[in-house]
Amino acid sequence: MEQTGKRCKHLCIVSVKTDQKKEMIVLNSSQCQIGSLSAECYRPAQAVSVWKGMGKLAACNSYTLLSWKRSTVIVLLLVQLCCLQVWAQCRILRCNSEFVAATLDLGGSGGREGGNAGYCSALRSYALCTRRTARACRGDLAYHSAVQGIEDLLIQHRCPKTGPTAQPRPPPQAPLSGDACCYERAYQQREGRAPEYIHCGVFGDPHVRTFRDEFQTCAVQGAWPLIDNEYLYVQATSAPMRGGVYATALTKITIIFKNWRECIEQQIYQAELDDVPPAFVDGSVTGGERRGHHSLQVRTQAPGRHAEIWAAHIGTTLVVRQSGRSLGLSVRAPRAIVDTYAPEQDLQLCVWGCPASQQLARPAAQPSTGAHAHCSALLPVQDVYFQACVFDLLATGDVNSSAAAVAALEDARSMLADTDKVHLVPAGTADHSPSLPAVLALAVFAERLLNLLAEQ
């Protein structure tokens, strides 16, 4: 076999002669050898000419052009393969960092208890991330160590392998500018109009006027969320009244303003029966100072029995007051703020009302009762507030309980711009509905019967 070749600036063709045939091999310039080998070299950017020693240029033949096209295809394929290797590189370090970020807020106690849903969700997200990068991480020691570690942690903390995963942490927010911490002003500048405000009121035994202008009387006891969205969480606790058989009352209200960018850090307000403080739990009356203005402010008209909280960054006003032996809450908020909740935040009495199993019917009050006369003097319009007044008076026997409905109506008047929406008049009462005194009498009888059975 005989072969010839030559060093060139671009491409070269090496001739290989055997007894049967002669083959041409296309090489790049780095593959050409120096010596007595002769090679044919070509310039790729023009009609290729052939150097023969120090002779003249020869015309390019069709075989030379075809070889150049083949070499171009080969080079492109090699480039694509290299890019695929880069794109498919192991991303286990990214999975590790996402897991660490997801567990930062859990602190050192994350996962100690088997029921720690947040830690288990972070572990499941970690496992999902490793599965997605498994193909590119074959043979990677860090990857296989992480997979084994996840399995051990899932078992150690008794976490089910199926379930919700941790939500990704939001990217860093750009610094706020202008009036971003004043919701009304920012909305006006952005939309060219004022926000739409809606109202919720919770008072008495308890009665709920929802943001959707539905009115319900609830039999709920214990702690229930009234509002739960991206910015605000409000919880009310209802308990049986002392000495009462049927009546319940709001005894505690907790309001949590969630941390929001540069406007406020998390702040908590809490009121209990006979203790409606004019300050947050940390003793402050303002919060979220920015450019000389405060996003949160607490004011009072009657210390110990009334507090009004103004949250400028979400354009929301909350009024907490004690009327008689129960607390009440009135809220005025933009619809856009109220609607910022996730699907899992579906239990909000101010949004959806009470569960159907916890709702009480409100039959028409009997005109012959003293409660009807008393509430008619306070509330001339026989709307839902009038019905609530009669209900509470009959349920508690306390004349002061009627003050809750009166105060709730006054809050509705001050918080609703459309006066036609203030009074909610029920469509009517079915003829077959039992009278309210009969309902109360049945409840008294049932409780006494249970007490007798318990004594036996």
Protein backbone atom coordinates (compact mmCIF):
# COMPACT_ATOMS: atom_id res chain seq x y z
CA MET A 1 0.00 0.00 0.00
CA GLU A 2 1.23 3.46 -0.85
CA GLN A 3 -0.09 6.74 0.61
CA THR A 4 0.68 10.39 -0.03
CA GLY A 5 -0.24 13.54 1.88
CA LYS A 6 0.74 17.16 2.58
CA ARG A 7 0.29 19.89 5.32
CA CYS A 8 -2.22 22.58 4.24
CA LYS A 9 -3.96 25.62 5.67
CA HIS A 10 -7.45 24.28 5.10
CA LEU A 11 -8.31 20.77 3.99
CA CYS A 12 -6.30 18.05 2.34
CA ILE A 13 -6.95 14.82 0.57
CA VAL A 14 -4.62 11.89 1.13
CA SER A 15 -4.39 9.31 -1.60
CA VAL A 16 -4.22 5.70 -0.51
CA LYS A 17 -3.23 3.23 -3.23
CA THR A 18 -3.73 -0.51 -2.93
CA ASP A 19 -3.48 -3.28 -5.46
CA GLN A 20 -7.19 -3.21 -6.10
CA LYS A 21 -8.20 0.44 -5.88
CA LYS A 22 -7.27 3.96 -5.00
CA GLU A 23 -9.16 5.75 -2.16
CA MET A 24 -9.29 9.41 -1.25
CA ILE A 25 -9.50 10.36 2.47
CA VAL A 26 -10.53 13.90 3.49
CA LEU A 27 -8.58 15.23 6.48
CA ASN A 28 -8.37 18.61 8.16
CA SER A 29 -5.15 20.60 8.27
CA SER A 30 -4.06 19.26 11.65
CA GLN A 31 -4.22 15.70 10.38
CA CYS A 32 -1.90 16.28 7.40
CA GLN A 33 1.63 15.04 7.87
CA ILE A 34 4.91 16.67 6.84
CA GLY A 35 7.20 14.58 4.77
CA SER A 36 7.46 13.17 1.34
CA LEU A 37 3.71 12.60 1.25
CA SER A 38 1.92 14.55 -1.45
CA ALA A 39 -1.57 15.86 -0.79
CA GLU A 40 -4.25 17.79 -2.59
CA CYS A 41 -5.39 20.85 -0.63
CA TYR A 42 -8.49 22.93 -1.13
CA ARG A 43 -9.94 26.22 0.05
CA PRO A 44 -13.51 25.79 1.28
CA ALA A 45 -14.74 29.30 0.57
CA GLN A 46 -14.26 29.26 -3.18
CA ALA A 47 -14.07 27.02 -6.22
CA VAL A 48 -11.43 24.66 -4.93
CA SER A 49 -8.09 24.47 -6.74
CA VAL A 50 -5.49 21.77 -6.29
CA TRP A 51 -1.83 22.42 -5.47
CA LYS A 52 0.58 20.01 -7.07
CA GLY A 53 3.94 20.76 -5.59
CA MET A 54 4.86 24.25 -6.88
CA GLY A 55 2.74 23.85 -9.99
CA LYS A 56 -0.25 25.75 -11.15
CA LEU A 57 -3.83 25.62 -9.77
CA ALA A 58 -5.97 22.86 -11.16
CA ALA A 59 -9.69 23.04 -11.63
CA CYS A 60 -11.87 21.54 -8.89
CA ASN A 61 -13.59 18.38 -9.88
CA SER A 62 -17.00 17.13 -8.66
CA TYR A 63 -15.41 14.61 -6.29
CA THR A 64 -13.62 17.39 -4.40
CA LEU A 65 -16.87 19.39 -3.96
CA LEU A 66 -18.72 16.31 -2.72
CA SER A 67 -15.99 15.56 -0.17
CA TRP A 68 -16.22 19.10 1.18
CA LYS A 69 -20.01 18.81 1.66
CA ARG A 70 -19.57 15.53 3.50
CA SER A 71 -16.96 17.03 5.81
CA THR A 72 -19.30 19.97 6.58
CA VAL A 73 -22.10 17.60 7.56
CA ILE A 74 -19.72 15.66 9.81
CA VAL A 75 -18.56 18.85 11.54
CA LEU A 76 -22.16 19.98 12.14
CA LEU A 77 -23.08 16.61 13.61
CA LEU A 78 -20.12 16.77 15.98
CA VAL A 79 -21.13 20.27 17.11
CA GLN A 80 -24.71 19.12 17.75
CA LEU A 81 -23.52 16.15 19.79
CA CYS A 82 -21.35 18.42 21.90
CA CYS A 83 -24.29 20.77 22.52
CA LEU A 84 -26.50 17.88 23.55
CA GLN A 85 -23.92 16.85 26.11
CA VAL A 86 -23.93 20.37 27.56
CA TRP A 87 -27.72 20.60 27.63
CA ALA A 88 -28.07 17.21 29.31
CA GLN A 89 -25.53 17.83 32.04
CA CYS A 90 -26.35 16.64 35.55
CA ARG A 91 -28.32 19.19 37.57
CA ILE A 92 -28.09 17.59 41.00
CA LEU A 93 -26.51 20.72 42.49
CA ARG A 94 -29.57 22.70 41.47
CA CYS A 95 -31.82 20.12 43.16
CA ASN A 96 -29.71 20.39 46.31
CA SER A 97 -29.97 24.19 46.41
CA GLU A 98 -33.75 24.13 45.81
CA PHE A 99 -34.22 21.73 48.72
CA VAL A 100 -32.13 23.90 51.02
CA ALA A 101 -34.12 27.00 49.98
CA ALA A 102 -37.44 25.21 50.55
CA THR A 103 -36.47 24.22 54.10
CA LEU A 104 -34.99 27.55 55.19
CA ASP A 105 -38.28 28.79 56.63
CA LEU A 106 -38.78 25.57 58.61
CA GLY A 107 -35.84 26.30 60.91
CA GLY A 108 -34.02 23.66 62.87
CA SER A 109 -37.19 21.79 63.88
CA GLY A 110 -38.19 20.93 60.31
CA GLY A 111 -39.20 17.33 59.99
CA ARG A 112 -38.80 16.32 63.65
CA GLU A 113 -42.45 15.50 63.84
CA GLY A 114 -43.87 12.93 61.47
CA GLY A 115 -46.74 15.23 60.58
CA ASN A 116 -44.55 18.10 59.39
CA ALA A 117 -46.25 18.66 56.05
CA GLY A 118 -43.86 21.40 54.96
CA TYR A 119 -40.74 19.28 55.39
CA CYS A 120 -42.34 16.27 53.70
CA SER A 121 -43.42 18.45 50.77
CA ALA A 122 -39.86 19.71 50.39
CA LEU A 123 -38.55 16.13 50.38
CA ARG A 124 -41.02 15.09 47.69
CA SER A 125 -40.00 18.07 45.57
CA TYR A 126 -36.35 17.07 46.06
CA ALA A 127 -37.13 13.51 44.91
CA LEU A 128 -39.04 14.80 41.87
CA CYS A 129 -36.09 17.00 40.89
CA THR A 130 -33.66 14.06 41.07
CA ARG A 131 -35.94 11.90 38.91
CA ARG A 132 -36.03 14.59 36.23
CA THR A 133 -32.24 14.72 36.01
CA ALA A 134 -31.64 10.98 36.49
CA ARG A 135 -30.68 10.31 32.88
CA ALA A 136 -27.95 12.93 32.78
CA CYS A 137 -26.64 12.01 36.25
CA ARG A 138 -25.84 8.35 35.66
CA GLY A 139 -22.60 7.53 37.37
CA ASP A 140 -22.54 10.82 39.30
CA LEU A 141 -21.61 10.09 42.92
CA ALA A 142 -23.33 13.20 44.31
CA TYR A 143 -26.55 12.25 42.51
CA HIS A 144 -26.66 8.71 43.85
CA SER A 145 -25.85 9.93 47.36
CA ALA A 146 -28.72 12.42 47.18
CA VAL A 147 -31.19 9.78 45.99
CA GLN A 148 -30.26 7.47 48.85
CA GLY A 149 -30.39 10.33 51.34
CA ILE A 150 -33.91 11.29 50.22
CA GLU A 151 -35.12 7.71 50.70
CA ASP A 152 -33.67 7.64 54.21
CA LEU A 153 -35.22 10.98 55.17
CA LEU A 154 -38.66 10.00 53.84
CA ILE A 155 -38.57 6.89 56.03
CA GLN A 156 -37.06 8.65 59.03
CA HIS A 157 -39.71 11.37 59.10
CA ARG A 158 -42.56 9.04 58.08
CA CYS A 159 -43.39 11.06 54.97
CA PRO A 160 -45.66 9.50 52.33
CA LYS A 161 -44.06 9.33 48.90
CA THR A 162 -47.16 10.79 47.28
CA GLY A 163 -48.66 14.13 48.18
CA PRO A 164 -48.24 17.87 47.63
CA THR A 165 -44.83 19.26 46.78
CA ALA A 166 -43.20 22.45 48.01
CA GLN A 167 -43.96 25.57 46.00
CA PRO A 168 -40.89 27.18 44.40
CA ARG A 169 -39.64 30.28 46.17
CA PRO A 170 -40.60 33.43 44.27
CA PRO A 171 -37.78 35.26 42.49
CA PRO A 172 -36.42 38.38 44.16
CA GLN A 173 -38.74 41.30 43.69
CA ALA A 174 -37.60 44.54 42.16
CA PRO A 175 -37.45 47.47 44.56
CA LEU A 176 -40.75 49.25 45.00
CA SER A 177 -41.11 52.73 43.65
CA GLY A 178 -43.42 55.65 44.07
CA ASP A 179 -46.71 54.94 45.85
CA ALA A 180 -46.52 51.14 45.73
CA CYS A 181 -47.19 50.92 49.50
CA CYS A 182 -50.35 53.02 49.15
CA TYR A 183 -52.80 50.69 47.40
CA GLU A 184 -55.49 53.22 46.52
CA ARG A 185 -53.09 55.72 44.98
CA ALA A 186 -51.14 53.07 43.07
CA TYR A 187 -54.36 51.50 41.75
CA GLN A 188 -55.69 54.87 40.67
CA GLN A 189 -52.51 55.64 38.74
CA ARG A 190 -52.40 52.19 37.17
CA GLU A 191 -56.08 51.69 36.28
CA GLY A 192 -57.30 55.27 36.02
CA ARG A 193 -60.16 54.60 38.47
CA ALA A 194 -60.76 53.85 42.13
CA PRO A 195 -60.73 50.23 43.35
CA GLU A 196 -63.96 48.32 43.90
CA TYR A 197 -64.51 47.84 47.64
CA ILE A 198 -66.50 45.03 49.25
CA HIS A 199 -67.58 44.43 52.83
CA CYS A 200 -67.75 41.56 55.31
CA GLY A 201 -69.22 41.66 58.80
CA VAL A 202 -69.17 39.01 61.56
CA PHE A 203 -71.01 39.63 64.83
CA GLY A 204 -73.35 38.22 67.43
CA ASP A 205 -74.17 34.54 67.66
CA PRO A 206 -72.35 34.60 65.13
CA HIS A 207 -73.90 36.09 62.02
CA VAL A 208 -71.86 36.49 58.83
CA ARG A 209 -72.38 38.95 56.01
CA THR A 210 -70.03 37.69 53.29
CA PHE A 211 -68.15 39.68 50.67
CA ARG A 212 -70.75 38.32 48.22
CA ASP A 213 -73.58 39.99 50.20
CA GLU A 214 -74.92 36.71 51.53
CA PHE A 215 -76.13 36.58 55.12
CA GLN A 216 -75.95 33.51 57.33
CA THR A 217 -76.27 32.55 60.96
CA CYS A 218 -73.76 29.91 61.93
CA ALA A 219 -73.56 27.26 64.64
CA VAL A 220 -69.77 27.11 64.44
CA GLN A 221 -67.69 26.69 67.57
CA GLY A 222 -63.93 26.88 67.92
CA ALA A 223 -61.52 28.70 65.63
CA TRP A 224 -62.54 29.38 62.02
CA PRO A 225 -60.77 31.40 59.29
CA LEU A 226 -62.69 34.43 58.14
CA ILE A 227 -60.13 35.65 55.55
CA ASP A 228 -57.10 33.83 54.16
CA ASN A 229 -55.32 35.29 51.13
CA GLU A 230 -51.84 36.37 50.06
CA TYR A 231 -51.83 39.46 52.27
CA LEU A 232 -54.11 38.84 55.21
CA TYR A 233 -55.24 36.10 57.57
CA VAL A 234 -58.15 36.64 59.98
CA GLN A 235 -59.39 34.01 62.41
CA ALA A 236 -62.35 34.14 64.80
CA THR A 237 -63.02 31.89 67.78
CA SER A 238 -66.56 31.20 68.89
CA ALA A 239 -67.54 29.63 72.23
CA PRO A 240 -70.77 28.96 74.18
CA MET A 241 -71.81 31.87 76.33
CA ARG A 242 -71.64 31.47 80.12
CA GLY A 243 -75.01 30.57 81.52
CA GLY A 244 -76.44 30.11 78.04
CA VAL A 245 -77.82 26.90 76.63
CA TYR A 246 -78.07 27.67 72.96
CA ALA A 247 -76.12 30.89 72.41
CA THR A 248 -72.53 31.19 71.25
CA ALA A 249 -70.41 34.30 70.86
CA LEU A 250 -67.17 35.47 69.29
CA THR A 251 -64.61 35.49 72.08
CA LYS A 252 -61.34 36.00 70.20
CA ILE A 253 -60.21 37.57 66.91
CA THR A 254 -56.71 37.20 65.46
CA ILE A 255 -55.49 39.26 62.50
CA ILE A 256 -52.17 38.52 60.77
CA PHE A 257 -50.79 40.96 58.21
CA LYS A 258 -48.40 38.91 56.12
CA ASN A 259 -44.94 40.12 55.18
CA TRP A 260 -45.09 41.95 51.86
CA ARG A 261 -41.97 43.14 50.08
CA GLU A 262 -40.69 46.47 51.35
CA CYS A 263 -44.02 47.69 52.74
CA ILE A 264 -44.45 45.70 55.95
CA GLU A 265 -43.02 42.86 57.96
CA GLN A 266 -45.45 40.38 59.49
CA GLN A 267 -47.58 42.02 62.15
CA ILE A 268 -50.22 40.46 64.44
CA TYR A 269 -53.24 41.96 66.16
CA GLN A 270 -55.26 39.98 68.71
CA ALA A 271 -58.40 40.86 70.64
CA GLU A 272 -60.25 38.88 73.29
CA LEU A 273 -63.46 39.35 75.16
CA ASP A 274 -63.09 42.33 77.53
CA ASP A 275 -59.69 43.11 76.00
CA VAL A 276 -59.70 44.93 72.66
CA PRO A 277 -56.25 46.56 72.70
CA PRO A 278 -55.45 49.73 70.73
CA ALA A 279 -52.11 48.22 69.58
CA PHE A 280 -50.52 45.19 67.94
CA VAL A 281 -49.29 42.30 70.08
CA ASP A 282 -45.79 43.82 70.20
CA GLY A 283 -47.18 47.04 71.68
CA SER A 284 -46.72 49.18 68.57
CA VAL A 285 -49.52 51.20 67.00
CA THR A 286 -47.90 51.61 63.57
CA GLY A 287 -45.86 49.47 61.21
CA GLY A 288 -44.22 49.47 57.82
CA GLU A 289 -42.68 52.93 57.83
CA ARG A 290 -41.54 54.06 54.38
CA ARG A 291 -40.79 57.61 53.27
CA GLY A 292 -42.38 59.04 56.40
CA HIS A 293 -45.64 57.10 55.98
CA HIS A 294 -46.88 53.99 57.80
CA SER A 295 -48.56 51.09 56.02
CA LEU A 296 -50.24 49.94 59.25
CA GLN A 297 -51.98 52.06 61.88
CA VAL A 298 -54.18 51.24 64.88
CA ARG A 299 -56.65 53.76 66.26
CA THR A 300 -59.38 53.55 68.90
CA GLN A 301 -62.52 55.41 69.92
CA ALA A 302 -63.09 53.42 73.10
CA PRO A 303 -59.92 51.79 74.55
CA GLY A 304 -60.53 48.20 75.56
CA ARG A 305 -63.72 47.90 73.49
CA HIS A 306 -62.89 49.24 70.00
CA ALA A 307 -59.97 49.24 67.58
CA GLU A 308 -59.71 50.29 63.95
CA ILE A 309 -56.80 49.05 61.84
CA TRP A 310 -55.89 50.73 58.58
CA ALA A 311 -53.65 48.76 56.19
CA ALA A 312 -52.68 51.25 53.47
CA HIS A 313 -50.57 48.79 51.44
CA ILE A 314 -53.69 46.69 50.71
CA GLY A 315 -56.30 49.45 51.01
CA THR A 316 -58.09 47.57 53.79
CA THR A 317 -59.86 48.73 56.95
CA LEU A 318 -60.71 46.38 59.82
CA VAL A 319 -62.85 47.34 62.82
CA VAL A 320 -62.88 45.15 65.95
CA ARG A 321 -65.35 45.99 68.72
CA GLN A 322 -67.04 44.43 71.70
CA SER A 323 -70.82 44.71 71.90
CA GLY A 324 -72.43 43.18 74.95
CA ARG A 325 -70.72 39.84 75.66
CA SER A 326 -69.39 39.19 72.18
CA LEU A 327 -66.82 40.55 69.75
CA GLY A 328 -67.54 41.71 66.24
CA LEU A 329 -65.47 42.34 63.11
CA SER A 330 -66.15 44.54 60.08
CA VAL A 331 -63.88 44.58 57.02
CA ARG A 332 -63.68 46.85 53.98
CA ALA A 333 -61.25 45.64 51.32
CA PRO A 334 -60.66 45.92 47.56
CA ARG A 335 -62.08 43.00 45.61
CA ALA A 336 -58.71 42.45 43.93
CA ILE A 337 -57.10 41.89 47.36
CA VAL A 338 -59.85 39.59 48.63
CA ASP A 339 -59.56 37.39 45.53
CA THR A 340 -55.83 36.67 45.95
CA TYR A 341 -56.27 33.21 47.44
CA ALA A 342 -55.17 29.76 46.27
CA PRO A 343 -57.58 26.86 45.60
CA GLU A 344 -56.60 25.17 48.86
CA GLN A 345 -57.65 28.30 50.81
CA ASP A 346 -61.31 27.39 50.34
CA LEU A 347 -62.44 27.74 53.96
CA GLN A 348 -63.09 31.45 54.47
CA LEU A 349 -66.33 32.44 56.16
CA CYS A 350 -66.14 35.97 54.75
CA VAL A 351 -65.86 34.61 51.21
CA TRP A 352 -67.87 31.39 51.12
CA GLY A 353 -69.93 31.63 54.30
CA CYS A 354 -70.43 28.81 56.79
CA PRO A 355 -70.42 25.16 55.72
CA ALA A 356 -73.96 23.99 54.96
CA SER A 357 -73.94 21.70 57.99
CA GLN A 358 -73.22 24.69 60.27
CA GLN A 359 -75.93 27.05 59.01
CA LEU A 360 -79.02 27.88 61.08
CA ALA A 361 -82.35 28.90 59.62
CA ARG A 362 -83.64 32.38 60.48
CA PRO A 363 -87.46 32.19 60.67
CA ALA A 364 -89.45 35.37 60.78
CA ALA A 365 -89.71 36.81 64.27
CA GLN A 366 -93.11 36.72 65.96
CA PRO A 367 -94.52 40.27 66.29
CA SER A 368 -95.92 39.38 69.70
CA THR A 369 -92.53 38.85 71.32
CA GLY A 370 -90.76 41.49 73.37
CA ALA A 371 -87.63 40.91 71.32
CA HIS A 372 -89.47 41.98 68.19
CA ALA A 373 -90.58 45.24 69.80
CA HIS A 374 -87.15 45.96 71.26
CA CYS A 375 -85.31 45.41 67.96
CA SER A 376 -87.94 47.36 65.99
CA ALA A 377 -87.16 50.42 68.10
CA LEU A 378 -83.44 50.10 67.33
CA LEU A 379 -83.66 48.92 63.72
CA PRO A 380 -86.74 50.26 61.92
CA VAL A 381 -85.94 48.41 58.67
CA GLN A 382 -86.73 44.72 59.07
CA ASP A 383 -83.68 43.45 57.21
CA VAL A 384 -81.16 40.76 58.12
CA TYR A 385 -79.71 42.94 60.87
CA PHE A 386 -83.14 43.15 62.46
CA GLN A 387 -83.49 39.37 62.26
CA ALA A 388 -80.05 38.95 63.83
CA CYS A 389 -81.03 41.29 66.64
CA VAL A 390 -84.16 39.27 67.44
CA PHE A 391 -82.25 35.99 67.19
CA ASP A 392 -79.53 37.10 69.61
CA LEU A 393 -81.99 38.58 72.09
CA LEU A 394 -84.05 35.40 72.23
CA ALA A 395 -80.99 33.17 72.36
CA THR A 396 -79.22 35.02 75.16
CA GLY A 397 -81.98 36.78 77.03
CA ASP A 398 -79.58 39.72 77.28
CA VAL A 399 -80.91 43.07 76.09
CA ASN A 400 -77.33 44.26 75.49
CA SER A 401 -76.82 41.60 72.81
CA SER A 402 -78.88 43.70 70.40
CA ALA A 403 -76.02 46.23 70.28
CA ALA A 404 -74.01 43.87 68.06
CA ALA A 405 -76.48 44.09 65.17
CA VAL A 406 -76.79 47.85 65.54
CA ALA A 407 -73.00 48.34 65.41
CA ALA A 408 -72.67 45.96 62.44
CA LEU A 409 -75.27 47.95 60.51
CA GLU A 410 -73.44 51.21 61.24
CA ASP A 411 -70.18 49.68 59.96
CA ALA A 412 -71.92 48.54 56.78
CA ARG A 413 -73.22 52.06 56.17
CA SER A 414 -69.75 53.57 56.55
CA MET A 415 -67.96 50.91 54.51
CA LEU A 416 -70.32 50.53 51.54
CA ALA A 417 -70.42 53.34 49.00
CA ASP A 418 -73.66 52.03 47.44
CA THR A 419 -76.39 52.74 49.99
CA ASP A 420 -78.74 50.32 48.20
CA LYS A 421 -76.51 47.45 49.30
CA VAL A 422 -76.52 48.32 53.00
CA HIS A 423 -79.83 46.68 53.92
CA LEU A 424 -80.08 43.04 52.92
CA VAL A 425 -83.76 42.13 52.99
CA PRO A 426 -84.44 38.38 52.93
CA ALA A 427 -86.57 37.16 50.04
CA GLY A 428 -89.08 35.65 52.45
CA THR A 429 -89.55 32.89 54.88
CA ALA A 430 -91.11 29.58 54.02
CA ASP A 431 -94.42 28.87 55.72
CA HIS A 432 -93.22 25.51 56.97
CA SER A 433 -90.26 26.92 58.86
CA PRO A 434 -90.52 26.52 62.64
CA SER A 435 -90.74 29.61 64.81
CA LEU A 436 -87.58 30.81 66.52
CA PRO A 437 -88.89 30.24 70.07
CA ALA A 438 -89.71 26.66 69.11
CA VAL A 439 -86.17 26.14 67.84
CA LEU A 440 -84.72 27.48 71.09
CA ALA A 441 -87.07 25.40 73.22
CA LEU A 442 -86.08 22.25 71.34
CA ALA A 443 -82.40 23.05 71.88
CA VAL A 444 -82.96 23.53 75.64
CA PHE A 445 -84.84 20.28 75.90
CA ALA A 446 -82.14 18.37 73.99
CA GLU A 447 -79.37 19.68 76.23
CA ARG A 448 -81.26 18.85 79.42
CA LEU A 449 -81.92 15.36 78.13
CA LEU A 450 -78.23 14.87 77.42
CA ASN A 451 -77.37 16.06 80.94
CA LEU A 452 -79.79 13.55 82.48
CA LEU A 453 -78.32 10.72 80.44
CA ALA A 454 -74.80 11.74 81.46
CA GLU A 455 -75.74 11.70 85.16
CA GLN A 456 -77.07 8.18 84.85
